[in-house]
């Protein structure tokens, strides 16, 4: 897990201890909602308003993932797929675009860490999506 730049020993250990058995999630995307990093929704008729994140999971791990996302999106963050996605979201504008981008990168980081843990793959900062499309 520490092969992802921005994830240190404390974040990796907290992630491993909080998740426990990585096989209990059938899909890696479920980790984001387990940690409370997915936005709540209120559906009413034709409107689907997005609310704040649910904050239902472990508070400490969520805080560490957000800190790692801040580093990835910050001025010293490496050029990775996570950074590119976050910068695209932050460039959309609006008052809270940077905040939404940080939470989205933290959620993607949690999914990525779980996926790397389950499969044992080597982390590739760039070009991972291109390989998936080619296969």
N, C-alpha and C. Protein backbone atom coordinates (compact mmCIF):
# COMPACT_ATOMS: atom_id res chain seq x y z
N UNK A 1 0.82 -1.20 0.00
CA UNK A 1 0.00 0.00 0.00
C UNK A 1 0.86 1.26 0.00
N UNK A 2 2.05 1.14 0.55
CA UNK A 2 2.90 2.32 0.64
C UNK A 2 3.55 2.68 -0.68
N UNK A 3 3.32 1.88 -1.71
CA UNK A 3 3.89 2.22 -3.01
C UNK A 3 3.17 3.40 -3.64
N UNK A 4 1.98 3.75 -3.16
CA UNK A 4 1.25 4.92 -3.63
C UNK A 4 1.84 6.14 -2.94
N UNK A 5 2.30 7.10 -3.71
CA UNK A 5 2.89 8.30 -3.14
C UNK A 5 1.83 9.08 -2.40
N UNK A 6 2.14 9.47 -1.18
CA UNK A 6 1.18 10.18 -0.33
C UNK A 6 0.65 9.29 0.78
N UNK A 7 0.82 7.99 0.65
CA UNK A 7 0.38 7.04 1.67
C UNK A 7 1.60 6.63 2.48
N UNK A 8 1.60 7.01 3.74
CA UNK A 8 2.72 6.68 4.60
C UNK A 8 2.44 5.45 5.44
N UNK A 9 3.33 5.16 6.37
CA UNK A 9 3.15 3.96 7.20
C UNK A 9 1.92 4.03 8.11
N UNK A 10 1.61 5.21 8.62
CA UNK A 10 0.46 5.34 9.52
C UNK A 10 -0.84 5.13 8.74
N UNK A 11 -0.93 5.72 7.56
CA UNK A 11 -2.14 5.56 6.74
C UNK A 11 -2.31 4.12 6.31
N UNK A 12 -1.23 3.48 5.87
CA UNK A 12 -1.31 2.09 5.42
C UNK A 12 -1.70 1.16 6.57
N UNK A 13 -1.11 1.35 7.73
CA UNK A 13 -1.43 0.51 8.88
C UNK A 13 -2.87 0.73 9.34
N UNK A 14 -3.30 1.97 9.40
CA UNK A 14 -4.68 2.26 9.80
C UNK A 14 -5.67 1.67 8.81
N UNK A 15 -5.35 1.75 7.52
CA UNK A 15 -6.22 1.17 6.50
C UNK A 15 -6.33 -0.33 6.68
N UNK A 16 -5.20 -0.99 6.88
CA UNK A 16 -5.20 -2.45 7.03
C UNK A 16 -5.94 -2.88 8.29
N UNK A 17 -5.76 -2.16 9.38
CA UNK A 17 -6.42 -2.55 10.63
C UNK A 17 -7.91 -2.23 10.60
N UNK A 18 -8.30 -1.17 9.92
CA UNK A 18 -9.72 -0.82 9.86
C UNK A 18 -10.48 -1.77 8.96
N UNK A 19 -9.92 -2.10 7.81
CA UNK A 19 -10.60 -3.00 6.88
C UNK A 19 -10.57 -4.43 7.41
N UNK A 20 -9.46 -4.82 8.02
CA UNK A 20 -9.36 -6.17 8.55
C UNK A 20 -9.18 -7.18 7.44
N UNK A 21 -10.22 -7.89 7.11
CA UNK A 21 -10.18 -8.89 6.04
C UNK A 21 -10.61 -8.21 4.73
N UNK A 22 -9.70 -8.10 3.76
CA UNK A 22 -10.07 -7.40 2.52
C UNK A 22 -11.08 -8.16 1.67
N UNK A 23 -11.25 -9.43 1.91
CA UNK A 23 -12.18 -10.25 1.12
C UNK A 23 -13.63 -10.06 1.53
N UNK A 24 -13.89 -9.33 2.61
CA UNK A 24 -15.28 -9.15 3.02
C UNK A 24 -16.03 -8.17 2.13
N UNK A 25 -15.30 -7.43 1.29
CA UNK A 25 -15.93 -6.57 0.30
C UNK A 25 -15.89 -7.28 -1.05
N UNK A 26 -17.05 -7.45 -1.64
CA UNK A 26 -17.09 -8.14 -2.94
C UNK A 26 -16.53 -7.26 -4.05
N UNK A 27 -16.68 -5.95 -3.90
CA UNK A 27 -16.15 -5.00 -4.88
C UNK A 27 -15.35 -3.94 -4.14
N UNK A 28 -14.28 -3.48 -4.76
CA UNK A 28 -13.44 -2.47 -4.13
C UNK A 28 -14.16 -1.14 -3.97
N UNK A 29 -15.12 -0.87 -4.83
CA UNK A 29 -15.85 0.40 -4.74
C UNK A 29 -16.66 0.51 -3.46
N UNK A 30 -16.96 -0.60 -2.83
CA UNK A 30 -17.74 -0.57 -1.59
C UNK A 30 -16.95 0.00 -0.43
N UNK A 31 -15.64 0.05 -0.54
CA UNK A 31 -14.80 0.56 0.55
C UNK A 31 -15.05 2.06 0.74
N UNK A 32 -15.26 2.79 -0.35
CA UNK A 32 -15.51 4.23 -0.25
C UNK A 32 -16.74 4.54 0.58
N UNK A 33 -17.81 3.82 0.36
CA UNK A 33 -19.02 4.08 1.13
C UNK A 33 -18.90 3.53 2.56
N UNK A 34 -18.14 2.45 2.75
CA UNK A 34 -17.91 1.92 4.09
C UNK A 34 -17.19 2.94 4.97
N UNK A 35 -16.30 3.70 4.36
CA UNK A 35 -15.54 4.70 5.12
C UNK A 35 -16.26 6.04 5.21
N UNK A 36 -17.42 6.17 4.58
CA UNK A 36 -18.18 7.41 4.68
C UNK A 36 -17.70 8.49 3.74
N UNK A 37 -17.07 8.12 2.64
CA UNK A 37 -16.55 9.10 1.70
C UNK A 37 -17.47 9.32 0.50
N UNK A 38 -18.64 8.73 0.50
CA UNK A 38 -19.61 8.91 -0.60
C UNK A 38 -20.64 9.95 -0.18
N UNK A 39 -21.08 10.78 -1.11
CA UNK A 39 -22.08 11.79 -0.75
C UNK A 39 -23.44 11.17 -0.51
N UNK A 40 -24.14 11.70 0.46
CA UNK A 40 -25.51 11.27 0.70
C UNK A 40 -26.39 11.87 -0.40
N UNK A 41 -27.51 11.23 -0.66
CA UNK A 41 -28.42 11.72 -1.70
C UNK A 41 -29.82 11.80 -1.16
N UNK A 42 -30.56 12.77 -1.67
CA UNK A 42 -31.97 12.89 -1.34
C UNK A 42 -32.72 12.94 -2.66
N UNK A 43 -33.50 11.91 -2.92
CA UNK A 43 -34.28 11.85 -4.14
C UNK A 43 -35.70 12.29 -3.84
N UNK A 44 -36.16 13.25 -4.63
CA UNK A 44 -37.52 13.73 -4.45
C UNK A 44 -38.08 14.08 -5.81
N UNK A 45 -38.91 13.21 -6.33
CA UNK A 45 -39.49 13.48 -7.64
C UNK A 45 -38.43 13.50 -8.72
N UNK A 46 -38.28 14.61 -9.38
CA UNK A 46 -37.31 14.75 -10.47
C UNK A 46 -35.95 15.24 -9.99
N UNK A 47 -35.88 15.68 -8.76
CA UNK A 47 -34.64 16.24 -8.24
C UNK A 47 -33.83 15.19 -7.51
N UNK A 48 -32.53 15.20 -7.78
CA UNK A 48 -31.61 14.30 -7.06
C UNK A 48 -30.50 15.17 -6.49
N UNK A 49 -30.71 15.72 -5.32
CA UNK A 49 -29.72 16.63 -4.74
C UNK A 49 -28.64 15.83 -4.02
N UNK A 50 -27.40 16.29 -4.21
CA UNK A 50 -26.26 15.67 -3.54
C UNK A 50 -25.98 16.45 -2.27
N UNK A 51 -25.84 15.73 -1.20
CA UNK A 51 -25.60 16.35 0.09
C UNK A 51 -24.15 16.14 0.49
N UNK A 52 -23.85 16.37 1.74
CA UNK A 52 -22.50 16.19 2.26
C UNK A 52 -22.14 14.71 2.27
N UNK A 53 -20.87 14.40 2.54
CA UNK A 53 -20.49 12.99 2.64
C UNK A 53 -21.12 12.40 3.90
N UNK A 54 -21.32 11.11 3.90
CA UNK A 54 -22.08 10.48 4.99
C UNK A 54 -21.30 10.41 6.30
N UNK A 55 -19.98 10.32 6.25
CA UNK A 55 -19.12 10.24 7.44
C UNK A 55 -19.53 9.07 8.34
N UNK A 56 -19.87 7.95 7.74
CA UNK A 56 -20.38 6.82 8.52
C UNK A 56 -19.30 5.87 8.99
N UNK A 57 -18.10 5.95 8.44
CA UNK A 57 -17.06 4.98 8.77
C UNK A 57 -16.11 5.48 9.83
N UNK A 58 -14.92 4.93 9.80
CA UNK A 58 -13.88 5.26 10.77
C UNK A 58 -13.37 6.67 10.54
N UNK A 59 -13.47 7.49 11.56
CA UNK A 59 -13.11 8.91 11.45
C UNK A 59 -11.61 9.10 11.21
N UNK A 60 -10.79 8.36 11.92
CA UNK A 60 -9.34 8.51 11.80
C UNK A 60 -8.84 8.13 10.40
N UNK A 61 -9.31 7.03 9.88
CA UNK A 61 -8.88 6.62 8.54
C UNK A 61 -9.36 7.60 7.49
N UNK A 62 -10.59 8.09 7.63
CA UNK A 62 -11.10 9.08 6.68
C UNK A 62 -10.23 10.34 6.71
N UNK A 63 -9.82 10.76 7.89
CA UNK A 63 -8.97 11.94 8.04
C UNK A 63 -7.61 11.71 7.37
N UNK A 64 -7.03 10.52 7.56
CA UNK A 64 -5.73 10.22 6.95
C UNK A 64 -5.82 10.15 5.43
N UNK A 65 -6.91 9.59 4.91
CA UNK A 65 -7.08 9.53 3.45
C UNK A 65 -7.26 10.91 2.85
N UNK A 66 -7.96 11.79 3.56
CA UNK A 66 -8.13 13.16 3.07
C UNK A 66 -6.79 13.90 3.10
N UNK A 67 -5.98 13.67 4.12
CA UNK A 67 -4.65 14.28 4.17
C UNK A 67 -3.79 13.79 3.01
N UNK A 68 -3.84 12.51 2.71
CA UNK A 68 -3.09 11.97 1.58
C UNK A 68 -3.59 12.57 0.27
N UNK A 69 -4.90 12.77 0.15
CA UNK A 69 -5.46 13.39 -1.05
C UNK A 69 -5.00 14.84 -1.18
N UNK A 70 -4.91 15.55 -0.06
CA UNK A 70 -4.40 16.93 -0.09
C UNK A 70 -2.96 16.95 -0.60
N UNK A 71 -2.16 15.99 -0.15
CA UNK A 71 -0.77 15.93 -0.63
C UNK A 71 -0.72 15.63 -2.13
N UNK A 72 -1.53 14.69 -2.57
CA UNK A 72 -1.54 14.31 -3.99
C UNK A 72 -1.94 15.50 -4.86
N UNK A 73 -2.91 16.29 -4.40
CA UNK A 73 -3.38 17.44 -5.18
C UNK A 73 -2.57 18.70 -4.93
N UNK A 74 -1.69 18.67 -3.95
CA UNK A 74 -0.91 19.85 -3.61
C UNK A 74 0.22 20.13 -4.59
N UNK A 75 1.02 21.15 -4.31
CA UNK A 75 2.07 21.56 -5.24
C UNK A 75 3.21 20.55 -5.37
N UNK A 76 3.39 19.69 -4.37
CA UNK A 76 4.48 18.73 -4.41
C UNK A 76 4.02 17.33 -4.79
N UNK A 77 2.75 17.19 -5.13
CA UNK A 77 2.21 15.88 -5.49
C UNK A 77 2.76 15.41 -6.82
N UNK A 78 2.99 14.12 -6.96
CA UNK A 78 3.52 13.58 -8.20
C UNK A 78 2.44 13.55 -9.29
N UNK A 79 2.89 13.43 -10.54
CA UNK A 79 1.96 13.35 -11.65
C UNK A 79 1.44 11.91 -11.75
N UNK A 80 0.21 11.71 -11.30
CA UNK A 80 -0.42 10.39 -11.31
C UNK A 80 -1.83 10.52 -11.88
N UNK A 81 -2.46 9.37 -12.09
CA UNK A 81 -3.85 9.37 -12.53
C UNK A 81 -4.76 10.01 -11.48
N UNK A 82 -4.48 9.74 -10.20
CA UNK A 82 -5.28 10.34 -9.13
C UNK A 82 -5.21 11.86 -9.17
N UNK A 83 -4.01 12.37 -9.36
CA UNK A 83 -3.84 13.83 -9.42
C UNK A 83 -4.55 14.42 -10.62
N UNK A 84 -4.47 13.76 -11.76
CA UNK A 84 -5.11 14.27 -12.96
C UNK A 84 -6.63 14.31 -12.79
N UNK A 85 -7.19 13.26 -12.20
CA UNK A 85 -8.64 13.23 -11.97
C UNK A 85 -9.03 14.35 -11.02
N UNK A 86 -8.27 14.51 -9.94
CA UNK A 86 -8.57 15.56 -8.97
C UNK A 86 -8.45 16.96 -9.55
N UNK A 87 -7.45 17.18 -10.38
CA UNK A 87 -7.27 18.50 -10.98
C UNK A 87 -8.39 18.80 -11.98
N UNK A 88 -8.86 17.77 -12.70
CA UNK A 88 -9.99 17.98 -13.61
C UNK A 88 -11.24 18.38 -12.83
N UNK A 89 -11.47 17.71 -11.70
CA UNK A 89 -12.64 18.05 -10.88
C UNK A 89 -12.51 19.44 -10.27
N UNK A 90 -11.32 19.79 -9.84
CA UNK A 90 -11.11 21.11 -9.23
C UNK A 90 -11.23 22.22 -10.25
N UNK A 91 -10.92 21.93 -11.52
CA UNK A 91 -10.98 22.95 -12.56
C UNK A 91 -12.39 23.25 -13.01
N UNK A 92 -13.34 22.44 -12.61
CA UNK A 92 -14.73 22.69 -13.00
C UNK A 92 -15.27 23.99 -12.45
N UNK A 93 -14.62 24.50 -11.42
CA UNK A 93 -15.03 25.79 -10.87
C UNK A 93 -16.06 25.62 -9.78
N UNK A 94 -16.58 26.74 -9.39
CA UNK A 94 -17.55 26.72 -8.31
C UNK A 94 -16.87 26.97 -6.97
N UNK A 95 -17.68 27.19 -5.97
CA UNK A 95 -17.14 27.54 -4.66
C UNK A 95 -16.44 26.37 -3.99
N UNK A 96 -17.02 25.21 -4.09
CA UNK A 96 -16.48 24.07 -3.35
C UNK A 96 -15.84 23.03 -4.26
N UNK A 97 -15.37 23.42 -5.43
CA UNK A 97 -14.82 22.45 -6.39
C UNK A 97 -13.56 21.78 -5.84
N UNK A 98 -12.69 22.53 -5.20
CA UNK A 98 -11.45 21.96 -4.65
C UNK A 98 -11.77 20.97 -3.53
N UNK A 99 -12.76 21.31 -2.69
CA UNK A 99 -13.14 20.41 -1.61
C UNK A 99 -13.72 19.11 -2.15
N UNK A 100 -14.57 19.22 -3.16
CA UNK A 100 -15.15 18.02 -3.76
C UNK A 100 -14.07 17.17 -4.41
N UNK A 101 -13.09 17.82 -5.02
CA UNK A 101 -12.00 17.09 -5.66
C UNK A 101 -11.18 16.33 -4.63
N UNK A 102 -10.92 16.93 -3.49
CA UNK A 102 -10.14 16.26 -2.44
C UNK A 102 -10.88 15.03 -1.93
N UNK A 103 -12.17 15.15 -1.70
CA UNK A 103 -12.96 14.01 -1.22
C UNK A 103 -13.02 12.92 -2.28
N UNK A 104 -13.16 13.32 -3.54
CA UNK A 104 -13.21 12.33 -4.62
C UNK A 104 -11.89 11.58 -4.74
N UNK A 105 -10.77 12.28 -4.60
CA UNK A 105 -9.46 11.63 -4.66
C UNK A 105 -9.26 10.73 -3.45
N UNK A 106 -9.74 11.14 -2.28
CA UNK A 106 -9.64 10.29 -1.09
C UNK A 106 -10.44 9.01 -1.28
N UNK A 107 -11.63 9.12 -1.88
CA UNK A 107 -12.44 7.93 -2.14
C UNK A 107 -11.76 7.02 -3.15
N UNK A 108 -11.22 7.59 -4.23
CA UNK A 108 -10.50 6.79 -5.23
C UNK A 108 -9.25 6.16 -4.64
N UNK A 109 -8.60 6.86 -3.73
CA UNK A 109 -7.42 6.32 -3.07
C UNK A 109 -7.79 5.12 -2.21
N UNK A 110 -8.90 5.19 -1.50
CA UNK A 110 -9.35 4.05 -0.68
C UNK A 110 -9.65 2.85 -1.56
N UNK A 111 -10.31 3.08 -2.69
CA UNK A 111 -10.63 2.00 -3.61
C UNK A 111 -9.34 1.40 -4.19
N UNK A 112 -8.40 2.27 -4.56
CA UNK A 112 -7.12 1.82 -5.12
C UNK A 112 -6.34 0.99 -4.10
N UNK A 113 -6.28 1.45 -2.86
CA UNK A 113 -5.54 0.71 -1.83
C UNK A 113 -6.15 -0.67 -1.60
N UNK A 114 -7.47 -0.73 -1.58
CA UNK A 114 -8.12 -2.03 -1.40
C UNK A 114 -7.83 -2.94 -2.59
N UNK A 115 -7.90 -2.39 -3.79
CA UNK A 115 -7.66 -3.20 -4.99
C UNK A 115 -6.23 -3.73 -5.02
N UNK A 116 -5.26 -2.87 -4.68
CA UNK A 116 -3.87 -3.32 -4.63
C UNK A 116 -3.66 -4.39 -3.57
N UNK A 117 -4.36 -4.27 -2.46
CA UNK A 117 -4.22 -5.22 -1.37
C UNK A 117 -4.81 -6.58 -1.76
N UNK A 118 -5.96 -6.58 -2.39
CA UNK A 118 -6.63 -7.83 -2.75
C UNK A 118 -5.88 -8.56 -3.86
N UNK A 119 -5.49 -7.82 -4.91
CA UNK A 119 -4.88 -8.47 -6.07
C UNK A 119 -3.38 -8.64 -5.94
N UNK A 120 -2.73 -7.83 -5.13
CA UNK A 120 -1.28 -7.91 -5.00
C UNK A 120 -0.54 -7.32 -6.19
N UNK A 121 -1.22 -6.52 -6.99
CA UNK A 121 -0.61 -5.91 -8.16
C UNK A 121 0.42 -4.86 -7.77
N UNK A 122 1.26 -4.53 -8.71
CA UNK A 122 2.21 -3.44 -8.55
C UNK A 122 1.53 -2.14 -8.96
N UNK A 123 1.69 -1.09 -8.17
CA UNK A 123 1.04 0.19 -8.47
C UNK A 123 1.71 0.88 -9.63
N UNK A 124 0.91 1.34 -10.57
CA UNK A 124 1.41 2.11 -11.71
C UNK A 124 0.78 3.49 -11.65
N UNK A 125 1.58 4.54 -11.42
CA UNK A 125 1.01 5.88 -11.28
C UNK A 125 0.32 6.40 -12.54
N UNK A 126 0.84 6.03 -13.70
CA UNK A 126 0.26 6.49 -14.97
C UNK A 126 0.03 5.31 -15.89
N UNK A 127 -0.97 5.42 -16.73
CA UNK A 127 -1.20 4.41 -17.74
C UNK A 127 -1.96 3.20 -17.30
N UNK A 128 -2.48 3.18 -16.08
CA UNK A 128 -3.22 2.01 -15.61
C UNK A 128 -4.52 1.84 -16.39
N UNK A 129 -5.24 2.95 -16.62
CA UNK A 129 -6.51 2.87 -17.37
C UNK A 129 -6.29 2.45 -18.81
N UNK A 130 -5.17 2.86 -19.40
CA UNK A 130 -4.89 2.49 -20.80
C UNK A 130 -4.69 0.99 -20.93
N UNK A 131 -4.04 0.37 -19.94
CA UNK A 131 -3.85 -1.08 -19.96
C UNK A 131 -5.17 -1.83 -19.82
N UNK A 132 -6.07 -1.29 -18.99
CA UNK A 132 -7.36 -1.94 -18.81
C UNK A 132 -8.19 -1.87 -20.10
N UNK A 133 -8.14 -0.75 -20.79
CA UNK A 133 -8.89 -0.60 -22.03
C UNK A 133 -8.32 -1.49 -23.13
N UNK A 134 -7.01 -1.68 -23.13
CA UNK A 134 -6.37 -2.53 -24.14
C UNK A 134 -6.70 -4.01 -23.93
N UNK A 135 -6.92 -4.38 -22.70
CA UNK A 135 -7.21 -5.79 -22.39
C UNK A 135 -8.62 -6.10 -22.70
